[in-house]
Amino acid sequence: MGNNDNKSRNNFRYLKLSYNLTEDTPVHPDLTKIKITPKTQINEGADYNTSVITVENHSGTHVDAPAHFLKNGRPIFTYDPDELIFHKPIVLECLKRPDEIINPEDLAPLLRNFEDHDLDFDCVLIRTGFGKYREKDPEMYLTKNPGVAPETANYLRRKLPKLKCLAIDTVSMSRYGRMQEMIDLHQTAFRTQEDLGKPLLFVEDLNLRAIEQGMILDELMVIPWQVEGIDSAPCTVLVKIRL
């Protein structure tokens, strides 16, 4: 039985889709830049290493929970681990130019490719291709990102009744500088409505370049920082790839 278990485990591997937090991490222009300050250091004569990390909770790869935009929305620290594991994730390739919007018409043809199967996806990862600007042109990445239209969030919740998570390879799910569009998008995704399934979680600033064409995603895990009292949190995202 031990050999069979090992063989089964070898049929999978994990990829990390989240970015490491560094002082160079591009953060939304409304946020404070990340600062990592060594406090005690062995190479300076201390007995151990410690550092002070100053970071806002929407920095880097992070998960937005409903409390981010709704007064009575659920904060991320109240989610159980089982609620943050998604068993049928899917990548939708929706390449976009700077500042373009993702409409339902962009995603409908992609989902039609799966209509012969159950549309029971619980996590949709939208790959716009905009992640290429994250290192080479951070200002472009932060201020010209494509975004999801509010009606697209509504369309996905109605089309995919088991959907619980929407993720994207841009700094934000919404386009920069469009406050009302941002509010409408988040409230549409986060509100509780009987005919719309569970309120969504958003995962933003995701590294989807790590997923190659033809890879079969078996499971996706979102692991947020465990900090009580905050609406949302930086997170590690792991995806299980079937070999």
Protein backbone atom coordinates (compact mmCIF):
# COMPACT_ATOMS: atom_id res chain seq x y z
CA MET A 1 0.00 0.00 0.00
CA GLY A 2 2.89 2.34 0.75
CA ASN A 3 4.24 2.06 -2.83
CA ASN A 4 0.79 2.75 -4.29
CA ASP A 5 0.42 5.81 -2.07
CA ASN A 6 3.77 7.14 -3.26
CA LYS A 7 2.85 6.50 -6.88
CA SER A 8 -0.45 8.33 -6.44
CA ARG A 9 1.26 11.31 -4.84
CA ASN A 10 3.77 11.44 -7.69
CA ASN A 11 0.94 11.99 -10.16
CA PHE A 12 0.60 15.56 -8.88
CA ARG A 13 2.73 18.54 -8.07
CA TYR A 14 2.05 21.97 -6.61
CA LEU A 15 2.71 25.37 -8.14
CA LYS A 16 2.82 28.61 -6.20
CA LEU A 17 0.74 31.28 -7.96
CA SER A 18 1.31 34.04 -5.42
CA TYR A 19 4.16 36.54 -5.44
CA ASN A 20 6.60 36.99 -2.57
CA LEU A 21 6.25 40.27 -0.70
CA THR A 22 9.28 42.54 -1.11
CA GLU A 23 9.98 46.24 -0.78
CA ASP A 24 9.78 46.37 -4.60
CA THR A 25 6.32 44.78 -4.74
CA PRO A 26 4.10 47.07 -6.83
CA VAL A 27 1.17 48.10 -4.65
CA HIS A 28 -1.97 50.00 -5.61
CA PRO A 29 -1.23 53.76 -5.71
CA ASP A 30 -3.62 54.35 -2.79
CA LEU A 31 -1.59 52.05 -0.51
CA THR A 32 1.57 52.55 1.54
CA LYS A 33 4.62 50.87 0.03
CA ILE A 34 5.92 47.80 1.79
CA LYS A 35 8.82 48.33 4.19
CA ILE A 36 10.91 45.51 5.67
CA THR A 37 13.22 46.71 8.42
CA PRO A 38 15.79 44.42 10.08
CA LYS A 39 15.52 44.76 13.86
CA THR A 40 18.06 42.30 15.27
CA GLN A 41 20.61 40.66 12.97
CA ILE A 42 23.12 37.91 13.67
CA ASN A 43 25.67 39.44 11.30
CA GLU A 44 25.55 42.62 13.40
CA GLY A 45 26.26 40.82 16.67
CA ALA A 46 22.74 39.84 17.76
CA ASP A 47 21.89 36.31 18.87
CA TYR A 48 18.99 35.94 16.41
CA ASN A 49 17.35 37.53 13.36
CA THR A 50 14.07 39.51 13.48
CA SER A 51 12.49 42.09 11.19
CA VAL A 52 9.62 44.56 11.29
CA ILE A 53 7.28 44.32 8.29
CA THR A 54 5.05 47.29 7.44
CA VAL A 55 2.42 46.29 4.90
CA GLU A 56 -1.21 47.14 4.17
CA ASN A 57 -3.55 44.18 3.98
CA HIS A 58 -4.30 44.63 0.25
CA SER A 59 -0.66 44.46 -0.81
CA GLY A 60 0.82 41.89 -3.18
CA THR A 61 -1.15 38.73 -3.86
CA HIS A 62 -4.13 39.04 -1.54
CA VAL A 63 -7.68 37.80 -1.05
CA ASP A 64 -10.60 40.23 -0.82
CA ALA A 65 -13.52 39.09 1.31
CA PRO A 66 -17.02 40.66 1.35
CA ALA A 67 -16.19 42.83 4.38
CA HIS A 68 -13.89 44.83 2.09
CA PHE A 69 -16.89 46.63 0.56
CA LEU A 70 -19.96 45.60 2.58
CA LYS A 71 -20.75 46.86 6.08
CA ASN A 72 -22.06 43.48 7.17
CA GLY A 73 -19.85 41.46 4.84
CA ARG A 74 -17.84 38.53 6.09
CA PRO A 75 -14.13 39.18 6.86
CA ILE A 76 -11.47 36.81 5.65
CA PHE A 77 -10.28 35.68 9.10
CA THR A 78 -13.67 33.99 9.70
CA TYR A 79 -13.28 31.57 6.76
CA ASP A 80 -12.53 27.94 7.57
CA PRO A 81 -9.71 26.21 5.63
CA ASP A 82 -12.24 24.03 3.79
CA GLU A 83 -13.88 27.19 2.41
CA LEU A 84 -10.57 28.28 0.90
CA ILE A 85 -9.86 25.06 -1.01
CA PHE A 86 -11.38 24.97 -4.49
CA HIS A 87 -11.78 21.58 -6.12
CA LYS A 88 -12.61 22.57 -9.68
CA PRO A 89 -10.62 25.64 -10.74
CA ILE A 90 -10.41 26.78 -14.35
CA VAL A 91 -8.22 29.26 -16.24
CA LEU A 92 -9.98 31.46 -18.79
CA GLU A 93 -7.55 33.03 -21.26
CA CYS A 94 -8.89 36.54 -21.88
CA LEU A 95 -6.00 38.63 -23.20
CA LYS A 96 -6.54 42.35 -22.72
CA ARG A 97 -4.72 45.54 -23.56
CA PRO A 98 -4.10 48.30 -21.01
CA ASP A 99 -7.23 49.78 -19.42
CA GLU A 100 -9.62 47.44 -21.25
CA ILE A 101 -12.73 46.04 -19.61
CA ILE A 102 -13.68 42.36 -19.39
CA ASN A 103 -17.32 42.01 -20.42
CA PRO A 104 -19.61 38.97 -20.30
CA GLU A 105 -19.22 38.74 -24.08
CA ASP A 106 -15.51 38.08 -23.59
CA LEU A 107 -16.05 35.10 -21.29
CA ALA A 108 -19.20 33.54 -22.75
CA PRO A 109 -17.40 31.93 -25.76
CA LEU A 110 -14.73 30.54 -23.44
CA LEU A 111 -17.30 28.90 -21.19
CA ARG A 112 -19.18 27.49 -24.18
CA ASN A 113 -16.20 25.20 -24.72
CA PHE A 114 -17.19 23.42 -21.51
CA GLU A 115 -20.94 23.17 -22.00
CA ASP A 116 -20.66 19.44 -22.74
CA HIS A 117 -19.54 19.08 -19.11
CA ASP A 118 -21.06 20.24 -15.85
CA LEU A 119 -20.38 23.93 -15.33
CA ASP A 120 -19.57 23.29 -11.68
CA PHE A 121 -16.37 25.33 -11.52
CA ASP A 122 -15.83 26.83 -8.08
CA CYS A 123 -12.87 29.07 -8.94
CA VAL A 124 -12.28 31.05 -12.15
CA LEU A 125 -8.81 32.42 -12.85
CA ILE A 126 -8.82 35.11 -15.53
CA ARG A 127 -5.51 35.37 -17.36
CA THR A 128 -5.32 38.73 -19.11
CA GLY A 129 -1.59 38.50 -19.87
CA PHE A 130 -1.07 41.80 -18.04
CA GLY A 131 1.25 40.18 -15.51
CA LYS A 132 4.10 40.74 -17.97
CA TYR A 133 4.14 44.42 -16.94
CA ARG A 134 4.56 43.73 -13.23
CA GLU A 135 8.36 43.80 -13.31
CA LYS A 136 9.15 45.60 -16.56
CA ASP A 137 6.70 48.51 -16.21
CA PRO A 138 5.25 48.72 -12.68
CA GLU A 139 3.54 52.06 -13.32
CA MET A 140 1.68 50.57 -16.29
CA TYR A 141 0.79 47.55 -14.16
CA LEU A 142 -0.61 49.75 -11.38
CA THR A 143 -2.48 52.41 -13.35
CA LYS A 144 -3.53 50.87 -16.69
CA ASN A 145 -4.67 47.41 -15.67
CA PRO A 146 -7.60 45.70 -17.36
CA GLY A 147 -10.56 45.12 -15.07
CA VAL A 148 -13.75 43.13 -14.74
CA ALA A 149 -17.06 44.85 -15.45
CA PRO A 150 -19.71 44.67 -12.68
CA GLU A 151 -22.09 42.90 -15.06
CA THR A 152 -19.40 40.26 -15.68
CA ALA A 153 -19.35 39.34 -11.99
CA ASN A 154 -23.13 39.04 -12.11
CA TYR A 155 -22.94 36.92 -15.29
CA LEU A 156 -20.39 34.52 -13.76
CA ARG A 157 -22.39 34.10 -10.55
CA ARG A 158 -25.50 33.22 -12.57
CA LYS A 159 -23.72 31.05 -15.14
CA LEU A 160 -21.63 29.13 -12.59
CA PRO A 161 -23.84 28.45 -9.55
CA LYS A 162 -20.99 26.79 -7.60
CA LEU A 163 -18.55 29.64 -8.15
CA LYS A 164 -16.95 30.85 -4.91
CA CYS A 165 -13.74 32.55 -6.05
CA LEU A 166 -12.67 34.85 -8.89
CA ALA A 167 -8.95 35.49 -9.41
CA ILE A 168 -6.96 37.64 -11.83
CA ASP A 169 -3.38 38.43 -12.89
CA THR A 170 -3.73 42.20 -12.38
CA VAL A 171 -3.14 44.38 -9.34
CA SER A 172 -6.89 44.82 -8.87
CA MET A 173 -10.08 43.23 -10.14
CA SER A 174 -11.25 46.72 -11.11
CA ARG A 175 -9.66 49.30 -13.39
CA TYR A 176 -7.63 52.08 -11.82
CA GLY A 177 -9.28 55.46 -11.27
CA ARG A 178 -12.90 54.38 -11.78
CA MET A 179 -14.36 54.59 -8.29
CA GLN A 180 -18.01 53.85 -9.08
CA GLU A 181 -17.09 50.94 -11.34
CA MET A 182 -14.93 49.55 -8.53
CA ILE A 183 -17.69 49.89 -5.94
CA ASP A 184 -20.30 48.33 -8.23
CA LEU A 185 -18.02 45.42 -9.14
CA HIS A 186 -17.12 44.50 -5.58
CA GLN A 187 -20.65 44.89 -4.24
CA THR A 188 -22.04 42.79 -7.11
CA ALA A 189 -19.57 40.02 -6.32
CA PHE A 190 -19.82 40.19 -2.53
CA ARG A 191 -23.53 40.68 -1.90
CA THR A 192 -25.66 37.84 -0.58
CA GLN A 193 -28.57 37.03 -2.87
CA GLU A 194 -30.58 33.84 -2.78
CA ASP A 195 -30.41 33.11 -6.52
CA LEU A 196 -26.68 33.87 -6.87
CA GLY A 197 -24.98 31.19 -4.79
CA LYS A 198 -22.32 32.09 -2.26
CA PRO A 199 -20.74 35.56 -2.20
CA LEU A 200 -17.44 35.50 -4.08
CA LEU A 201 -13.91 35.96 -2.87
CA PHE A 202 -11.50 37.93 -5.06
CA VAL A 203 -7.82 37.00 -5.40
CA GLU A 204 -5.78 39.78 -7.00
CA ASP A 205 -2.19 40.20 -8.21
CA LEU A 206 -1.84 36.52 -9.08
CA ASN A 207 1.02 35.00 -11.06
CA LEU A 208 -0.77 33.03 -13.76
CA ARG A 209 2.32 32.89 -15.96
CA ALA A 210 3.30 29.79 -13.99
CA ILE A 211 0.39 27.83 -15.50
CA GLU A 212 1.34 26.40 -18.87
CA GLN A 213 -1.00 25.51 -21.70
CA GLY A 214 -2.50 22.05 -21.25
CA MET A 215 -1.92 21.81 -17.50
CA ILE A 216 -4.83 20.20 -15.65
CA LEU A 217 -5.68 22.02 -12.44
CA ASP A 218 -6.87 19.61 -9.78
CA GLU A 219 -7.21 21.85 -6.72
CA LEU A 220 -6.45 25.41 -5.65
CA MET A 221 -5.73 26.58 -2.11
CA VAL A 222 -5.84 30.15 -0.81
CA ILE A 223 -3.95 30.57 2.47
CA PRO A 224 -4.44 34.06 3.94
CA TRP A 225 -2.50 35.61 6.78
CA GLN A 226 -4.21 34.70 10.04
CA VAL A 227 -4.92 38.16 11.44
CA GLU A 228 -8.14 38.79 13.33
CA GLY A 229 -10.12 41.97 12.77
CA ILE A 230 -9.17 42.69 9.14
CA ASP A 231 -11.42 42.48 6.09
CA SER A 232 -8.91 40.89 3.70
CA ALA A 233 -5.32 39.68 3.77
CA PRO A 234 -2.17 38.89 1.79
CA CYS A 235 -2.17 35.23 0.91
CA THR A 236 -0.25 32.29 -0.50
CA VAL A 237 -1.97 30.55 -3.41
CA LEU A 238 -1.08 26.98 -4.33
CA VAL A 239 -2.50 24.99 -7.22
CA LYS A 240 -2.30 21.22 -7.55
CA ILE A 241 -1.34 20.17 -11.10
CA ARG A 242 -2.23 16.77 -12.46
CA LEU A 243 0.69 15.16 -14.29
